[in-house]
N, C-alpha and C. Protein backbone atom coordinates (compact mmCIF):
# COMPACT_ATOMS: atom_id res chain seq x y z
N MET A 1 87.34 13.20 33.47
CA MET A 1 86.15 12.92 32.71
C MET A 1 86.41 13.18 31.23
N GLY A 2 85.84 12.37 30.40
CA GLY A 2 86.02 12.51 28.97
C GLY A 2 85.01 13.45 28.34
N LYS A 3 85.41 14.01 27.21
CA LYS A 3 84.50 14.92 26.49
C LYS A 3 83.56 14.10 25.61
N ARG A 4 82.40 14.66 25.37
CA ARG A 4 81.46 14.00 24.47
C ARG A 4 81.90 14.26 23.04
N LYS A 5 81.64 13.30 22.17
CA LYS A 5 82.01 13.46 20.77
C LYS A 5 81.07 14.44 20.08
N SER A 6 81.63 15.24 19.21
CA SER A 6 80.86 16.20 18.44
C SER A 6 80.11 15.48 17.32
N LYS A 7 78.88 15.90 17.07
CA LYS A 7 78.10 15.27 16.01
C LYS A 7 78.27 15.98 14.67
N SER A 8 79.04 17.07 14.64
CA SER A 8 79.22 17.78 13.37
C SER A 8 80.16 17.00 12.46
N LYS A 9 79.84 17.02 11.20
CA LYS A 9 80.65 16.33 10.21
C LYS A 9 81.52 17.37 9.49
N PRO A 10 82.66 16.94 8.96
CA PRO A 10 83.47 17.89 8.20
C PRO A 10 82.73 18.30 6.92
N PRO A 11 82.98 19.51 6.42
CA PRO A 11 82.28 19.94 5.20
C PRO A 11 82.65 19.04 4.03
N PRO A 12 81.69 18.81 3.12
CA PRO A 12 81.98 17.94 1.97
C PRO A 12 83.02 18.59 1.06
N LYS A 13 83.81 17.75 0.41
CA LYS A 13 84.82 18.25 -0.52
C LYS A 13 84.15 18.74 -1.79
N LYS A 14 84.64 19.86 -2.33
CA LYS A 14 84.09 20.40 -3.56
C LYS A 14 84.68 19.65 -4.74
N ARG A 15 83.80 19.27 -5.66
CA ARG A 15 84.27 18.60 -6.87
C ARG A 15 84.61 19.64 -7.92
N MET A 16 85.69 19.41 -8.63
CA MET A 16 86.07 20.28 -9.73
C MET A 16 85.31 19.82 -10.98
N ASP A 17 84.64 20.76 -11.64
CA ASP A 17 83.96 20.43 -12.88
C ASP A 17 85.00 20.24 -13.99
N LYS A 18 84.71 19.33 -14.89
CA LYS A 18 85.60 19.09 -16.02
C LYS A 18 85.55 20.27 -16.98
N LEU A 19 86.72 20.65 -17.49
CA LEU A 19 86.79 21.72 -18.46
C LEU A 19 86.48 21.18 -19.85
N ASP A 20 85.97 22.04 -20.72
CA ASP A 20 85.64 21.64 -22.09
C ASP A 20 86.91 21.29 -22.87
N THR A 21 86.76 20.39 -23.82
CA THR A 21 87.86 20.05 -24.71
C THR A 21 87.49 20.35 -26.16
N THR A 22 86.24 20.71 -26.43
CA THR A 22 85.82 21.11 -27.78
C THR A 22 85.26 22.52 -27.71
N PHE A 23 85.55 23.31 -28.77
CA PHE A 23 85.21 24.72 -28.76
C PHE A 23 84.68 25.16 -30.11
N THR A 24 84.23 26.42 -30.19
CA THR A 24 83.73 27.01 -31.43
C THR A 24 84.90 27.53 -32.26
N CYS A 25 84.87 27.25 -33.54
CA CYS A 25 85.95 27.69 -34.43
C CYS A 25 85.85 29.20 -34.66
N PRO A 26 86.96 29.93 -34.54
CA PRO A 26 86.93 31.38 -34.77
C PRO A 26 86.82 31.75 -36.25
N PHE A 27 87.03 30.80 -37.15
CA PHE A 27 86.99 31.09 -38.59
C PHE A 27 85.66 30.72 -39.22
N CYS A 28 85.17 29.50 -38.97
CA CYS A 28 83.92 29.07 -39.59
C CYS A 28 82.74 29.12 -38.63
N SER A 29 82.96 29.44 -37.37
CA SER A 29 81.92 29.57 -36.34
C SER A 29 81.11 28.31 -36.13
N SER A 30 81.70 27.17 -36.41
CA SER A 30 81.02 25.90 -36.16
C SER A 30 81.15 25.55 -34.68
N GLY A 31 80.05 25.26 -34.05
CA GLY A 31 80.06 24.94 -32.63
C GLY A 31 80.67 23.57 -32.37
N SER A 32 81.49 23.47 -31.37
CA SER A 32 82.12 22.22 -30.93
C SER A 32 82.90 21.53 -32.04
N SER A 33 83.51 22.30 -32.93
CA SER A 33 84.26 21.69 -34.02
C SER A 33 85.77 21.72 -33.79
N VAL A 34 86.23 22.49 -32.83
CA VAL A 34 87.67 22.59 -32.55
C VAL A 34 88.02 21.64 -31.42
N GLU A 35 88.95 20.75 -31.70
CA GLU A 35 89.44 19.82 -30.68
C GLU A 35 90.88 20.17 -30.36
N CYS A 36 91.20 20.15 -29.09
CA CYS A 36 92.55 20.46 -28.64
C CYS A 36 93.22 19.18 -28.16
N ARG A 37 94.45 18.98 -28.62
CA ARG A 37 95.25 17.83 -28.19
C ARG A 37 96.56 18.32 -27.61
N ILE A 38 97.01 17.64 -26.56
CA ILE A 38 98.26 18.01 -25.91
C ILE A 38 99.22 16.83 -25.99
N ASP A 39 100.39 17.08 -26.57
CA ASP A 39 101.44 16.07 -26.67
C ASP A 39 102.52 16.43 -25.65
N MET A 40 102.45 15.80 -24.48
CA MET A 40 103.40 16.13 -23.41
C MET A 40 104.80 15.62 -23.72
N LYS A 41 104.91 14.62 -24.57
CA LYS A 41 106.24 14.10 -24.91
C LYS A 41 107.05 15.16 -25.67
N ASN A 42 106.40 15.85 -26.61
CA ASN A 42 107.08 16.87 -27.41
C ASN A 42 106.76 18.29 -26.95
N LEU A 43 105.93 18.42 -25.90
CA LEU A 43 105.52 19.72 -25.35
C LEU A 43 104.86 20.62 -26.40
N ILE A 44 103.94 20.02 -27.16
CA ILE A 44 103.21 20.76 -28.20
C ILE A 44 101.72 20.60 -27.97
N GLY A 45 101.00 21.70 -28.08
CA GLY A 45 99.55 21.69 -28.01
C GLY A 45 98.98 22.10 -29.35
N GLU A 46 97.97 21.38 -29.83
CA GLU A 46 97.39 21.67 -31.14
C GLU A 46 95.88 21.83 -31.01
N ALA A 47 95.35 22.80 -31.74
CA ALA A 47 93.91 23.00 -31.85
C ALA A 47 93.56 22.90 -33.33
N ASN A 48 92.63 22.01 -33.67
CA ASN A 48 92.26 21.77 -35.07
C ASN A 48 90.75 21.83 -35.23
N CYS A 49 90.29 22.50 -36.31
CA CYS A 49 88.87 22.52 -36.64
C CYS A 49 88.58 21.36 -37.60
N ARG A 50 87.52 20.62 -37.32
CA ARG A 50 87.17 19.47 -38.16
C ARG A 50 86.58 19.89 -39.50
N PHE A 51 85.96 21.07 -39.56
CA PHE A 51 85.26 21.46 -40.78
C PHE A 51 86.13 22.28 -41.73
N CYS A 52 86.72 23.36 -41.24
CA CYS A 52 87.49 24.23 -42.15
C CYS A 52 88.99 23.90 -42.14
N GLN A 53 89.42 22.92 -41.36
CA GLN A 53 90.80 22.43 -41.31
C GLN A 53 91.81 23.47 -40.83
N GLU A 54 91.34 24.56 -40.19
CA GLU A 54 92.28 25.53 -39.60
C GLU A 54 92.92 24.89 -38.39
N SER A 55 94.18 25.27 -38.13
CA SER A 55 94.87 24.69 -36.98
C SER A 55 95.77 25.72 -36.34
N PHE A 56 96.15 25.43 -35.10
CA PHE A 56 97.03 26.30 -34.33
C PHE A 56 97.88 25.40 -33.44
N SER A 57 99.18 25.71 -33.35
CA SER A 57 100.09 24.95 -32.48
C SER A 57 100.82 25.90 -31.56
N THR A 58 101.10 25.44 -30.37
CA THR A 58 101.83 26.23 -29.39
C THR A 58 102.59 25.32 -28.45
N THR A 59 103.53 25.89 -27.72
CA THR A 59 104.25 25.10 -26.73
C THR A 59 103.42 25.03 -25.45
N VAL A 60 103.56 23.92 -24.73
CA VAL A 60 102.79 23.71 -23.52
C VAL A 60 103.71 23.39 -22.34
N THR A 61 103.14 23.49 -21.15
CA THR A 61 103.82 23.08 -19.93
C THR A 61 102.99 21.99 -19.27
N ALA A 62 103.44 21.53 -18.12
CA ALA A 62 102.73 20.47 -17.41
C ALA A 62 101.36 20.94 -16.91
N LEU A 63 101.17 22.25 -16.76
CA LEU A 63 99.92 22.78 -16.23
C LEU A 63 98.94 23.20 -17.31
N THR A 64 99.31 23.09 -18.57
CA THR A 64 98.46 23.54 -19.68
C THR A 64 97.26 22.62 -19.85
N GLU A 65 96.09 23.23 -20.06
CA GLU A 65 94.86 22.50 -20.36
C GLU A 65 94.39 22.88 -21.76
N ALA A 66 93.35 22.20 -22.24
CA ALA A 66 92.84 22.45 -23.59
C ALA A 66 92.32 23.88 -23.74
N ILE A 67 91.69 24.41 -22.71
CA ILE A 67 91.16 25.77 -22.77
C ILE A 67 92.29 26.79 -22.93
N ASP A 68 93.47 26.49 -22.39
CA ASP A 68 94.61 27.40 -22.53
C ASP A 68 95.07 27.49 -23.98
N ILE A 69 95.09 26.36 -24.67
CA ILE A 69 95.50 26.34 -26.07
C ILE A 69 94.50 27.12 -26.92
N TYR A 70 93.22 26.89 -26.68
CA TYR A 70 92.17 27.61 -27.43
C TYR A 70 92.24 29.11 -27.15
N SER A 71 92.46 29.48 -25.91
CA SER A 71 92.56 30.90 -25.55
C SER A 71 93.75 31.58 -26.23
N GLU A 72 94.87 30.87 -26.31
CA GLU A 72 96.03 31.42 -27.01
C GLU A 72 95.73 31.61 -28.49
N TRP A 73 94.97 30.68 -29.08
CA TRP A 73 94.61 30.79 -30.48
C TRP A 73 93.73 32.02 -30.72
N ILE A 74 92.75 32.22 -29.86
CA ILE A 74 91.87 33.38 -29.97
C ILE A 74 92.67 34.67 -29.79
N ASP A 75 93.56 34.70 -28.81
CA ASP A 75 94.40 35.88 -28.59
C ASP A 75 95.28 36.19 -29.80
N GLU A 76 95.83 35.15 -30.41
CA GLU A 76 96.68 35.33 -31.59
C GLU A 76 95.86 35.86 -32.77
N CYS A 77 94.63 35.35 -32.94
CA CYS A 77 93.76 35.85 -34.01
C CYS A 77 93.45 37.33 -33.80
N GLU A 78 93.15 37.72 -32.57
CA GLU A 78 92.87 39.13 -32.28
C GLU A 78 94.10 40.00 -32.51
N ARG A 79 95.27 39.50 -32.14
CA ARG A 79 96.50 40.26 -32.33
C ARG A 79 96.76 40.50 -33.81
N VAL A 80 96.59 39.46 -34.63
CA VAL A 80 96.81 39.58 -36.08
C VAL A 80 95.78 40.53 -36.69
N ASN A 81 94.53 40.45 -36.25
CA ASN A 81 93.50 41.35 -36.78
C ASN A 81 93.78 42.79 -36.40
N ASN A 82 94.27 43.03 -35.21
CA ASN A 82 94.61 44.40 -34.79
C ASN A 82 95.79 44.94 -35.58
N LEU A 83 96.76 44.09 -35.90
CA LEU A 83 97.91 44.53 -36.71
C LEU A 83 97.45 44.90 -38.11
N GLU A 84 96.54 44.12 -38.69
CA GLU A 84 96.03 44.41 -40.03
C GLU A 84 95.23 45.70 -40.02
N ASP A 85 94.45 45.97 -38.97
CA ASP A 85 93.67 47.20 -38.87
C ASP A 85 94.59 48.42 -38.76
N ASP A 86 95.68 48.28 -38.01
CA ASP A 86 96.63 49.39 -37.85
C ASP A 86 97.36 49.68 -39.15
N ASP A 87 97.70 48.65 -39.93
CA ASP A 87 98.41 48.84 -41.19
C ASP A 87 97.50 49.42 -42.26
N GLY A 88 96.21 49.08 -42.22
CA GLY A 88 95.27 49.53 -43.24
C GLY A 88 94.86 50.98 -43.07
N SER A 89 95.03 51.57 -41.91
CA SER A 89 94.61 52.96 -41.66
C SER A 89 95.56 53.96 -42.22
């Protein structure tokens, strides 16, 4: 004898939300003014502010996203600020 078919459906696949590609500038605090571009041919990632023209470049890998470049820029700003605070004391 054959089994009856189950009426349960497989769980729906979860969609990944898109990550942001524009961010707030750490220098002029303009919202959504920093755009990140990734050049996979030269393995360079750049973050540029449209208003104050500040920029940051870093090396990238195949897994790098725009948020990674922005996060590295923020980390570098904090590192430089901490070095200046230590030297000034």
